[in-house]
PDB file of N, CA and C in Angstrom:
ATOM      1  N   MET A   1      21.735  10.708  -2.017  1.00  0.00           N
ATOM      2  CA  MET A   1      23.507  10.013  -2.589  1.00  0.00           C
ATOM      3  C   MET A   1      23.637   8.793  -1.728  1.00  0.00           C
ATOM      4  N   ALA A   2      24.456   7.861  -2.215  1.00  0.00           N
ATOM      5  CA  ALA A   2      24.791   6.949  -2.071  1.00  0.00           C
ATOM      6  C   ALA A   2      25.458   6.685  -0.778  1.00  0.00           C
ATOM      7  N   ALA A   3      25.514   5.505  -0.396  1.00  0.00           N
ATOM      8  CA  ALA A   3      26.032   5.295   0.913  1.00  0.00           C
ATOM      9  C   ALA A   3      28.110   5.014   0.678  1.00  0.00           C
ATOM     10  N   PRO A   4      28.996   5.515   1.340  1.00  0.00           N
ATOM     11  CA  PRO A   4      30.030   4.800   1.101  1.00  0.00           C
ATOM     12  C   PRO A   4      30.238   3.536   0.674  1.00  0.00           C
ATOM     13  N   ARG A   5      30.953   2.802  -0.050  1.00  0.00           N
ATOM     14  CA  ARG A   5      31.074   1.276  -0.334  1.00  0.00           C
ATOM     15  C   ARG A   5      32.277   1.056   0.759  1.00  0.00           C
ATOM     16  N   LYS A   6      31.792   0.141   1.542  1.00  0.00           N
ATOM     17  CA  LYS A   6      33.120  -0.630   2.266  1.00  0.00           C
ATOM     18  C   LYS A   6      34.378  -1.442   1.810  1.00  0.00           C
ATOM     19  N   TYR A   7      34.154  -1.853   0.605  1.00  0.00           N
ATOM     20  CA  TYR A   7      34.884  -2.702  -0.372  1.00  0.00           C
ATOM     21  C   TYR A   7      35.282  -1.826  -1.338  1.00  0.00           C
ATOM     22  N   PRO A   8      36.346  -1.969  -1.939  1.00  0.00           N
ATOM     23  CA  PRO A   8      36.439  -1.586  -3.147  1.00  0.00           C
ATOM     24  C   PRO A   8      36.089  -2.543  -4.197  1.00  0.00           C
ATOM     25  N   ASP A   9      35.706  -1.666  -5.319  1.00  0.00           N
ATOM     26  CA  ASP A   9      35.018  -2.225  -6.409  1.00  0.00           C
ATOM     27  C   ASP A   9      36.030  -3.622  -7.187  1.00  0.00           C
ATOM     28  N   GLU A  10      36.937  -3.431  -7.310  1.00  0.00           N
ATOM     29  CA  GLU A  10      38.678  -4.197  -7.476  1.00  0.00           C
ATOM     30  C   GLU A  10      38.084  -5.295  -6.794  1.00  0.00           C
ATOM     31  N   LEU A  11      38.167  -5.343  -5.389  1.00  0.00           N
ATOM     32  CA  LEU A  11      38.054  -6.290  -4.454  1.00  0.00           C
ATOM     33  C   LEU A  11      36.785  -7.048  -4.614  1.00  0.00           C
ATOM     34  N   ARG A  12      35.866  -6.658  -4.657  1.00  0.00           N
ATOM     35  CA  ARG A  12      34.145  -7.115  -5.080  1.00  0.00           C
ATOM     36  C   ARG A  12      34.029  -7.841  -6.049  1.00  0.00           C
ATOM     37  N   GLU A  13      34.934  -7.638  -7.227  1.00  0.00           N
ATOM     38  CA  GLU A  13      34.817  -8.235  -8.510  1.00  0.00           C
ATOM     39  C   GLU A  13      36.007  -9.541  -8.546  1.00  0.00           C
ATOM     40  N   ARG A  14      36.721  -9.147  -7.828  1.00  0.00           N
ATOM     41  CA  ARG A  14      37.484 -10.540  -7.540  1.00  0.00           C
ATOM     42  C   ARG A  14      37.006 -11.459  -6.747  1.00  0.00           C
ATOM     43  N   ALA A  15      36.676 -10.938  -5.597  1.00  0.00           N
ATOM     44  CA  ALA A  15      35.972 -12.207  -4.972  1.00  0.00           C
ATOM     45  C   ALA A  15      34.541 -12.866  -5.839  1.00  0.00           C
ATOM     46  N   ILE A  16      33.650 -12.069  -6.183  1.00  0.00           N
ATOM     47  CA  ILE A  16      32.825 -12.644  -7.041  1.00  0.00           C
ATOM     48  C   ILE A  16      33.236 -13.649  -7.770  1.00  0.00           C
ATOM     49  N   ARG A  17      34.270 -13.432  -8.647  1.00  0.00           N
ATOM     50  CA  ARG A  17      34.868 -13.867  -9.582  1.00  0.00           C
ATOM     51  C   ARG A  17      35.377 -15.880  -9.056  1.00  0.00           C
ATOM     52  N   MET A  18      36.189 -15.239  -7.997  1.00  0.00           N
ATOM     53  CA  MET A  18      36.692 -16.384  -7.093  1.00  0.00           C
ATOM     54  C   MET A  18      35.573 -17.168  -6.873  1.00  0.00           C
ATOM     55  N   ALA A  19      34.453 -16.729  -6.071  1.00  0.00           N
ATOM     56  CA  ALA A  19      33.414 -17.483  -5.514  1.00  0.00           C
ATOM     57  C   ALA A  19      32.857 -18.204  -6.893  1.00  0.00           C
ATOM     58  N   LEU A  20      32.003 -17.565  -7.896  1.00  0.00           N
ATOM     59  CA  LEU A  20      31.305 -18.055  -8.907  1.00  0.00           C
ATOM     60  C   LEU A  20      32.099 -19.118  -9.448  1.00  0.00           C
ATOM     61  N   ASP A  21      33.647 -19.762  -9.759  1.00  0.00           N
ATOM     62  CA  ASP A  21      34.557 -20.244 -10.158  1.00  0.00           C
ATOM     63  C   ASP A  21      34.547 -21.449  -9.353  1.00  0.00           C
ATOM     64  N   GLN A  22      34.305 -21.386  -8.242  1.00  0.00           N
ATOM     65  CA  GLN A  22      34.303 -22.422  -6.819  1.00  0.00           C
ATOM     66  C   GLN A  22      33.206 -22.866  -6.472  1.00  0.00           C
ATOM     67  N   VAL A  23      32.295 -22.223  -6.650  1.00  0.00           N
ATOM     68  CA  VAL A  23      30.619 -22.481  -6.529  1.00  0.00           C
ATOM     69  C   VAL A  23      30.275 -23.617  -7.311  1.00  0.00           C
ATOM     70  N   LYS A  24      30.484 -23.361  -8.661  1.00  0.00           N
ATOM     71  CA  LYS A  24      30.217 -24.359  -9.526  1.00  0.00           C
ATOM     72  C   LYS A  24      30.791 -25.935  -9.207  1.00  0.00           C
ATOM     73  N   GLU A  25      31.858 -26.176  -8.389  1.00  0.00           N
ATOM     74  CA  GLU A  25      32.434 -27.179  -8.084  1.00  0.00           C
ATOM     75  C   GLU A  25      32.037 -27.855  -6.679  1.00  0.00           C
ATOM     76  N   GLY A  26      31.930 -27.013  -5.668  1.00  0.00           N
ATOM     77  CA  GLY A  26      31.701 -27.739  -4.315  1.00  0.00           C
ATOM     78  C   GLY A  26      30.310 -26.962  -4.100  1.00  0.00           C
ATOM     79  N   ASN A  27      30.498 -27.146  -2.426  1.00  0.00           N
ATOM     80  CA  ASN A  27      29.000 -26.398  -1.637  1.00  0.00           C
ATOM     81  C   ASN A  27      29.655 -25.352  -1.428  1.00  0.00           C
ATOM     82  N   GLY A  28      28.740 -24.414  -1.402  1.00  0.00           N
ATOM     83  CA  GLY A  28      28.601 -22.306  -1.877  1.00  0.00           C
ATOM     84  C   GLY A  28      28.973 -22.062  -0.591  1.00  0.00           C
ATOM     85  N   ARG A  29      28.324 -22.721   0.804  1.00  0.00           N
ATOM     86  CA  ARG A  29      28.358 -21.903   1.839  1.00  0.00           C
ATOM     87  C   ARG A  29      29.881 -22.251   2.466  1.00  0.00           C
ATOM     88  N   ALA A  30      30.303 -23.144   1.910  1.00  0.00           N
ATOM     89  CA  ALA A  30      31.898 -23.454   2.303  1.00  0.00           C
ATOM     90  C   ALA A  30      32.815 -22.570   1.405  1.00  0.00           C
ATOM     91  N   VAL A  31      32.396 -22.323   0.075  1.00  0.00           N
ATOM     92  CA  VAL A  31      33.006 -21.810  -1.046  1.00  0.00           C
ATOM     93  C   VAL A  31      33.058 -20.253  -0.196  1.00  0.00           C
ATOM     94  N   PHE A  32      32.139 -19.574   0.467  1.00  0.00           N
ATOM     95  CA  PHE A  32      31.849 -18.448   0.681  1.00  0.00           C
ATOM     96  C   PHE A  32      32.581 -18.011   1.877  1.00  0.00           C
ATOM     97  N   ARG A  33      32.725 -18.892   2.660  1.00  0.00           N
ATOM     98  CA  ARG A  33      33.622 -18.972   3.994  1.00  0.00           C
ATOM     99  C   ARG A  33      34.855 -18.584   3.612  1.00  0.00           C
ATOM    100  N   ARG A  34      35.372 -20.015   2.712  1.00  0.00           N
ATOM    101  CA  ARG A  34      37.066 -19.872   2.442  1.00  0.00           C
ATOM    102  C   ARG A  34      37.208 -18.417   1.405  1.00  0.00           C
ATOM    103  N   VAL A  35      36.575 -18.222   0.825  1.00  0.00           N
ATOM    104  CA  VAL A  35      37.055 -16.738  -0.229  1.00  0.00           C
ATOM    105  C   VAL A  35      36.539 -16.045   0.874  1.00  0.00           C
ATOM    106  N   GLY A  36      35.843 -15.927   1.490  1.00  0.00           N
ATOM    107  CA  GLY A  36      35.549 -14.407   2.306  1.00  0.00           C
ATOM    108  C   GLY A  36      36.588 -14.348   3.467  1.00  0.00           C
ATOM    109  N   ASP A  37      37.209 -15.563   4.101  1.00  0.00           N
ATOM    110  CA  ASP A  37      38.447 -15.723   4.869  1.00  0.00           C
ATOM    111  C   ASP A  37      40.004 -14.938   4.178  1.00  0.00           C
ATOM    112  N   GLN A  38      39.786 -15.169   2.882  1.00  0.00           N
ATOM    113  CA  GLN A  38      41.099 -15.095   2.002  1.00  0.00           C
ATOM    114  C   GLN A  38      41.044 -14.022   1.726  1.00  0.00           C
ATOM    115  N   LEU A  39      40.271 -13.332   1.506  1.00  0.00           N
ATOM    116  CA  LEU A  39      40.036 -11.709   1.093  1.00  0.00           C
ATOM    117  C   LEU A  39      39.506 -11.065   2.348  1.00  0.00           C
ATOM    118  N   GLY A  40      39.384 -11.473   3.544  1.00  0.00           N
ATOM    119  CA  GLY A  40      38.991 -10.328   4.269  1.00  0.00           C
ATOM    120  C   GLY A  40      37.563  -9.787   4.449  1.00  0.00           C
ATOM    121  N   ILE A  41      36.570 -10.718   3.860  1.00  0.00           N
ATOM    122  CA  ILE A  41      35.248 -10.229   3.448  1.00  0.00           C
ATOM    123  C   ILE A  41      34.062 -11.532   4.501  1.00  0.00           C
ATOM    124  N   ASN A  42      33.168 -10.482   4.737  1.00  0.00           N
ATOM    125  CA  ASN A  42      32.078 -11.493   5.707  1.00  0.00           C
ATOM    126  C   ASN A  42      31.756 -12.435   4.591  1.00  0.00           C
ATOM    127  N   PRO A  43      31.579 -13.406   4.718  1.00  0.00           N
ATOM    128  CA  PRO A  43      30.891 -14.711   3.416  1.00  0.00           C
ATOM    129  C   PRO A  43      29.378 -14.245   3.213  1.00  0.00           C
ATOM    130  N   GLU A  44      28.468 -14.149   4.173  1.00  0.00           N
ATOM    131  CA  GLU A  44      27.283 -13.030   4.169  1.00  0.00           C
ATOM    132  C   GLU A  44      27.187 -12.246   2.891  1.00  0.00           C
ATOM    133  N   THR A  45      28.345 -11.521   3.216  1.00  0.00           N
ATOM    134  CA  THR A  45      28.232  -9.953   2.084  1.00  0.00           C
ATOM    135  C   THR A  45      28.669 -10.260   0.647  1.00  0.00           C
ATOM    136  N   LEU A  46      29.552 -11.469   0.608  1.00  0.00           N
ATOM    137  CA  LEU A  46      29.899 -12.202  -0.521  1.00  0.00           C
ATOM    138  C   LEU A  46      29.035 -12.697  -1.358  1.00  0.00           C
ATOM    139  N   ARG A  47      28.222 -13.736  -0.270  1.00  0.00           N
ATOM    140  CA  ARG A  47      26.941 -14.482  -0.893  1.00  0.00           C
ATOM    141  C   ARG A  47      26.022 -13.696  -1.453  1.00  0.00           C
ATOM    142  N   GLY A  48      25.728 -12.427  -0.819  1.00  0.00           N
ATOM    143  CA  GLY A  48      24.577 -11.415  -1.313  1.00  0.00           C
ATOM    144  C   GLY A  48      25.416 -11.071  -2.763  1.00  0.00           C
ATOM    145  N   TRP A  49      26.390 -10.687  -2.733  1.00  0.00           N
ATOM    146  CA  TRP A  49      27.218 -10.118  -3.887  1.00  0.00           C
ATOM    147  C   TRP A  49      26.766 -11.184  -5.100  1.00  0.00           C
ATOM    148  N   VAL A  50      27.142 -12.500  -4.842  1.00  0.00           N
ATOM    149  CA  VAL A  50      27.578 -13.364  -5.793  1.00  0.00           C
ATOM    150  C   VAL A  50      26.014 -13.533  -6.574  1.00  0.00           C
ATOM    151  N   ARG A  51      25.089 -13.543  -5.404  1.00  0.00           N
ATOM    152  CA  ARG A  51      23.574 -13.922  -5.562  1.00  0.00           C
ATOM    153  C   ARG A  51      23.081 -12.966  -6.438  1.00  0.00           C
ATOM    154  N   GLN A  52      23.510 -11.622  -6.568  1.00  0.00           N
ATOM    155  CA  GLN A  52      23.096 -10.555  -7.140  1.00  0.00           C
ATOM    156  C   GLN A  52      23.806 -10.462  -8.451  1.00  0.00           C
ATOM    157  N   ARG A  53      25.050 -11.110  -8.525  1.00  0.00           N
ATOM    158  CA  ARG A  53      25.605 -11.516 -10.060  1.00  0.00           C
ATOM    159  C   ARG A  53      24.760 -12.074 -10.677  1.00  0.00           C
ATOM    160  N   GLN A  54      24.576 -13.605 -10.168  1.00  0.00           N
ATOM    161  CA  GLN A  54      23.886 -14.515 -10.843  1.00  0.00           C
ATOM    162  C   GLN A  54      22.414 -13.994 -11.327  1.00  0.00           C
ATOM    163  N   ILE A  55      21.859 -13.109 -10.506  1.00  0.00           N
ATOM    164  CA  ILE A  55      20.461 -12.496 -11.513  1.00  0.00           C
ATOM    165  C   ILE A  55      20.684 -11.565 -12.142  1.00  0.00           C
ATOM    166  N   ASP A  56      21.949 -10.764 -12.133  1.00  0.00           N
ATOM    167  CA  ASP A  56      22.034 -10.008 -13.278  1.00  0.00           C
ATOM    168  C   ASP A  56      22.245 -10.767 -14.552  1.00  0.00           C
ATOM    169  N   LEU A  57      23.185 -11.778 -14.219  1.00  0.00           N
ATOM    170  CA  LEU A  57      23.261 -12.909 -15.889  1.00  0.00           C
ATOM    171  C   LEU A  57      22.389 -13.476 -16.248  1.00  0.00           C
ATOM    172  N   GLY A  58      21.334 -13.555 -15.307  1.00  0.00           N
ATOM    173  CA  GLY A  58      20.022 -14.296 -16.085  1.00  0.00           C
ATOM    174  C   GLY A  58      20.141 -15.863 -15.300  1.00  0.00           C
ATOM    175  N   ASP A  59      21.102 -16.175 -14.393  1.00  0.00           N
ATOM    176  CA  ASP A  59      21.156 -17.522 -14.083  1.00  0.00           C
ATOM    177  C   ASP A  59      20.229 -17.913 -12.759  1.00  0.00           C
ATOM    178  N   ARG A  60      19.904 -16.407 -12.063  1.00  0.00           N
ATOM    179  CA  ARG A  60      18.959 -16.743 -11.021  1.00  0.00           C
ATOM    180  C   ARG A  60      17.653 -16.181 -11.043  1.00  0.00           C
ATOM    181  N   PRO A  61      16.454 -16.143 -10.896  1.00  0.00           N
ATOM    182  CA  PRO A  61      15.223 -15.228 -11.263  1.00  0.00           C
ATOM    183  C   PRO A  61      15.496 -14.182  -9.799  1.00  0.00           C
ATOM    184  N   GLY A  62      14.846 -12.924 -10.212  1.00  0.00           N
ATOM    185  CA  GLY A  62      15.090 -11.677  -9.617  1.00  0.00           C
ATOM    186  C   GLY A  62      14.822 -10.522  -9.976  1.00  0.00           C
ATOM    187  N   THR A  63      15.142  -9.629  -9.157  1.00  0.00           N
ATOM    188  CA  THR A  63      15.105  -8.212  -9.922  1.00  0.00           C
ATOM    189  C   THR A  63      16.496  -8.051  -9.917  1.00  0.00           C
ATOM    190  N   SER A  64      17.251  -7.790 -11.142  1.00  0.00           N
ATOM    191  CA  SER A  64      18.496  -7.214 -11.325  1.00  0.00           C
ATOM    192  C   SER A  64      18.665  -5.937 -10.987  1.00  0.00           C
ATOM    193  N   THR A  65      19.859  -5.323 -11.223  1.00  0.00           N
ATOM    194  CA  THR A  65      20.505  -4.188 -10.826  1.00  0.00           C
ATOM    195  C   THR A  65      20.326  -3.345 -11.459  1.00  0.00           C
ATOM    196  N   ASP A  66      19.881  -3.461 -12.813  1.00  0.00           N
ATOM    197  CA  ASP A  66      19.716  -2.055 -14.051  1.00  0.00           C
ATOM    198  C   ASP A  66      18.089  -2.138 -13.667  1.00  0.00           C
ATOM    199  N   GLU A  67      17.322  -3.225 -13.371  1.00  0.00           N
ATOM    200  CA  GLU A  67      15.676  -2.731 -12.860  1.00  0.00           C
ATOM    201  C   GLU A  67      15.475  -2.460 -11.575  1.00  0.00           C
ATOM    202  N   SER A  68      16.419  -2.613 -10.624  1.00  0.00           N
ATOM    203  CA  SER A  68      16.202  -1.809  -9.194  1.00  0.00           C
ATOM    204  C   SER A  68      16.880  -0.689  -9.581  1.00  0.00           C
ATOM    205  N   GLN A  69      17.814  -0.194 -10.124  1.00  0.00           N
ATOM    206  CA  GLN A  69      17.744   1.288 -10.558  1.00  0.00           C
ATOM    207  C   GLN A  69      16.955   1.974 -11.364  1.00  0.00           C
ATOM    208  N   ARG A  70      16.353   1.685 -12.421  1.00  0.00           N
ATOM    209  CA  ARG A  70      15.340   1.569 -13.113  1.00  0.00           C
ATOM    210  C   ARG A  70      14.029   2.679 -12.565  1.00  0.00           C
ATOM    211  N   VAL A  71      13.554   1.096 -11.551  1.00  0.00           N
ATOM    212  CA  VAL A  71      12.462   1.687 -10.167  1.00  0.00           C
ATOM    213  C   VAL A  71      12.519   2.463  -9.479  1.00  0.00           C
ATOM    214  N   MET A  72      14.024   2.973  -8.887  1.00  0.00           N
ATOM    215  CA  MET A  72      14.233   3.964  -7.977  1.00  0.00           C
ATOM    216  C   MET A  72      14.235   5.184  -8.863  1.00  0.00           C
ATOM    217  N   GLU A  73      14.596   5.387  -9.720  1.00  0.00           N
ATOM    218  CA  GLU A  73      14.290   6.598 -11.095  1.00  0.00           C
ATOM    219  C   GLU A  73      13.284   7.090 -10.895  1.00  0.00           C
ATOM    220  N   LEU A  74      12.166   6.049 -11.014  1.00  0.00           N
ATOM    221  CA  LEU A  74      10.902   6.380 -11.407  1.00  0.00           C
ATOM    222  C   LEU A  74      10.257   6.617 -10.520  1.00  0.00           C
ATOM    223  N   GLU A  75      10.285   5.807  -9.467  1.00  0.00           N
ATOM    224  CA  GLU A  75       9.706   6.437  -7.809  1.00  0.00           C
ATOM    225  C   GLU A  75      10.254   7.917  -7.374  1.00  0.00           C
ATOM    226  N   LYS A  76      11.255   8.145  -8.106  1.00  0.00           N
ATOM    227  CA  LYS A  76      12.058   9.446  -7.580  1.00  0.00           C
ATOM    228  C   LYS A  76      11.052  10.392  -8.667  1.00  0.00           C
ATOM    229  N   GLU A  77      10.930  10.328 -10.016  1.00  0.00           N
ATOM    230  CA  GLU A  77       9.729  11.196 -10.903  1.00  0.00           C
ATOM    231  C   GLU A  77       8.698  11.073 -10.257  1.00  0.00           C
ATOM    232  N   VAL A  78       8.218  10.078 -10.066  1.00  0.00           N
ATOM    233  CA  VAL A  78       6.916  10.095  -9.291  1.00  0.00           C
ATOM    234  C   VAL A  78       6.621  11.385  -8.349  1.00  0.00           C
ATOM    235  N   ARG A  79       7.811  11.047  -7.309  1.00  0.00           N
ATOM    236  CA  ARG A  79       7.342  11.876  -6.043  1.00  0.00           C
ATOM    237  C   ARG A  79       7.821  13.393  -6.586  1.00  0.00           C
ATOM    238  N   GLU A  80       8.223  13.498  -7.288  1.00  0.00           N
ATOM    239  CA  GLU A  80       8.805  15.093  -7.951  1.00  0.00           C
ATOM    240  C   GLU A  80       7.365  15.592  -8.740  1.00  0.00           C
ATOM    241  N   LEU A  81       6.653  14.980  -9.668  1.00  0.00           N
ATOM    242  CA  LEU A  81       5.429  15.116  -9.981  1.00  0.00           C
ATOM    243  C   LEU A  81       4.518  15.279  -9.307  1.00  0.00           C
ATOM    244  N   ARG A  82       4.425  14.386  -8.204  1.00  0.00           N
ATOM    245  CA  ARG A  82       3.345  14.650  -6.800  1.00  0.00           C
ATOM    246  C   ARG A  82       3.411  15.999  -6.575  1.00  0.00           C
ATOM    247  N   ARG A  83       4.832  16.285  -6.232  1.00  0.00           N
ATOM    248  CA  ARG A  83       5.021  17.696  -5.507  1.00  0.00           C
ATOM    249  C   ARG A  83       4.631  18.799  -6.385  1.00  0.00           C
ATOM    250  N   ALA A  84       4.741  18.577  -7.584  1.00  0.00           N
ATOM    251  CA  ALA A  84       4.635  19.703  -8.804  1.00  0.00           C
ATOM    252  C   ALA A  84       2.872  19.355  -8.571  1.00  0.00           C
ATOM    253  N   ASN A  85       2.326  18.625  -8.599  1.00  0.00           N
ATOM    254  CA  ASN A  85       0.966  18.907  -8.698  1.00  0.00           C
ATOM    255  C   ASN A  85       0.057  19.432  -7.455  1.00  0.00           C
ATOM    256  N   ALA A  86       0.879  18.749  -6.567  1.00  0.00           N
ATOM    257  CA  ALA A  86       0.346  19.569  -4.984  1.00  0.00           C
ATOM    258  C   ALA A  86       0.155  21.386  -5.468  1.00  0.00           C
ATOM    259  N   ILE A  87       1.622  21.255  -5.411  1.00  0.00           N
ATOM    260  CA  ILE A  87       1.753  22.701  -5.674  1.00  0.00           C
ATOM    261  C   ILE A  87       0.924  23.596  -6.979  1.00  0.00           C
ATOM    262  N   LEU A  88       0.782  23.216  -7.725  1.00  0.00           N
ATOM    263  CA  LEU A  88      -0.152  23.699  -8.861  1.00  0.00           C
ATOM    264  C   LEU A  88      -1.624  23.581  -8.347  1.00  0.00           C
ATOM    265  N   ARG A  89      -2.048  22.343  -7.572  1.00  0.00           N
ATOM    266  CA  ARG A  89      -3.653  22.557  -7.367  1.00  0.00           C
ATOM    267  C   ARG A  89      -3.730  23.517  -6.425  1.00  0.00           C
ATOM    268  N   SER A  90      -2.807  23.954  -5.458  1.00  0.00           N
ATOM    269  CA  SER A  90      -2.577  24.751  -4.205  1.00  0.00           C
ATOM    270  C   SER A  90      -2.885  26.024  -5.047  1.00  0.00           C
ATOM    271  N   ALA A  91      -1.945  26.233  -5.713  1.00  0.00           N
ATOM    272  CA  ALA A  91      -1.874  27.836  -6.880  1.00  0.00           C
ATOM    273  C   ALA A  91      -3.239  27.928  -7.552  1.00  0.00           C
ATOM    274  N   SER A  92      -3.946  27.027  -7.818  1.00  0.00           N
ATOM    275  CA  SER A  92      -5.066  27.051  -8.673  1.00  0.00           C
ATOM    276  C   SER A  92      -6.331  27.268  -7.678  1.00  0.00           C
ATOM    277  N   ALA A  93      -6.126  26.725  -6.985  1.00  0.00           N
ATOM    278  CA  ALA A  93      -7.053  27.271  -5.417  1.00  0.00           C
ATOM    279  C   ALA A  93      -7.066  28.344  -5.408  1.00  0.00           C
ATOM    280  N   PHE A  94      -5.997  28.941  -5.100  1.00  0.00           N
ATOM    281  CA  PHE A  94      -5.939  30.283  -4.569  1.00  0.00           C
ATOM    282  C   PHE A  94      -6.334  31.762  -5.588  1.00  0.00           C
ATOM    283  N   PHE A  95      -5.931  31.097  -7.036  1.00  0.00           N
ATOM    284  CA  PHE A  95      -6.064  32.250  -7.902  1.00  0.00           C
ATOM    285  C   PHE A  95      -7.898  32.012  -8.370  1.00  0.00           C
ATOM    286  N   ALA A  96      -8.543  30.821  -8.043  1.00  0.00           N
ATOM    287  CA  ALA A  96      -9.825  30.629  -8.084  1.00  0.00           C
ATOM    288  C   ALA A  96     -10.589  31.146  -7.099  1.00  0.00           C
ATOM    289  N   ALA A  97     -10.025  31.301  -6.121  1.00  0.00           N
ATOM    290  CA  ALA A  97     -10.619  31.850  -5.064  1.00  0.00           C
ATOM    291  C   ALA A  97     -10.667  33.486  -5.092  1.00  0.00           C
ATOM    292  N   GLU A  98      -9.541  33.912  -5.762  1.00  0.00           N
ATOM    293  CA  GLU A  98      -9.181  35.909  -6.062  1.00  0.00           C
ATOM    294  C   GLU A  98      -9.951  36.046  -7.237  1.00  0.00           C
ATOM    295  N   LEU A  99     -10.614  35.053  -7.841  1.00  0.00           N
ATOM    296  CA  LEU A  99     -11.357  35.598  -8.964  1.00  0.00           C
ATOM    297  C   LEU A  99     -13.030  35.532  -8.672  1.00  0.00           C
ATOM    298  N   ASP A 100     -13.256  34.676  -7.843  1.00  0.00           N
ATOM    299  CA  ASP A 100     -14.573  34.896  -7.196  1.00  0.00           C
ATOM    300  C   ASP A 100     -14.907  35.815  -6.069  1.00  0.00           C
ATOM    301  N   CYS A 101     -13.898  36.222  -5.708  1.00  0.00           N
ATOM    302  CA  CYS A 101     -14.344  37.576  -4.639  1.00  0.00           C
ATOM    303  C   CYS A 101     -14.833  38.844  -5.741  1.00  0.00           C
ATOM    304  N   PRO A 102     -15.930  39.298  -5.125  1.00  0.00           N
ATOM    305  CA  PRO A 102     -16.602  40.752  -5.679  1.00  0.00           C
ATOM    306  C   PRO A 102     -15.031  41.706  -5.655  1.00  0.00           C
ATOM    307  N   PRO A 103     -15.357  42.595  -6.913  1.00  0.00           N
ATOM    308  CA  PRO A 103     -14.510  43.611  -6.705  1.00  0.00           C
ATOM    309  C   PRO A 103     -14.700  44.480  -5.480  1.00  0.00           C
ATOM    310  N   ARG A 104     -14.032  45.364  -4.951  1.00  0.00           N
ATOM    311  CA  ARG A 104     -14.526  46.445  -3.753  1.00  0.00           C
ATOM    312  C   ARG A 104     -14.768  47.656  -4.271  1.00  0.00           C
TER     313      ARG A 104
END
C-alpha cells in the first residue's frame, strides 16, 4: 500500500504547470524556489516532480512513471511465483519421500 501523499494532486499539477511554464524562460533553480514559496512546496520536491514530468513526456531521458509501475508489478509477480515454486518443490520432495518408503 502506498504512503499517503502530503500534497493534493491538484496542487501538484498546478505547481508543475507553473514551473514548466517559467523554466522555459529563466533559471530553473530560481523558478523552483519562487513557485515553491508561492504554493508552500519545498523547491527540491517541486524540482523532482518537474523532472519526472519531463521524463514522462519524453523531454528528458529516464524511467517513466508507467515503466516504473510496470517493473514494480513484474517484480511482485516474480516474488509470488518464486514463493509458489518453493512451496511446490517442498511438497514434491515430501511426496517423493513418502513414495520411497517401503510399506509396513
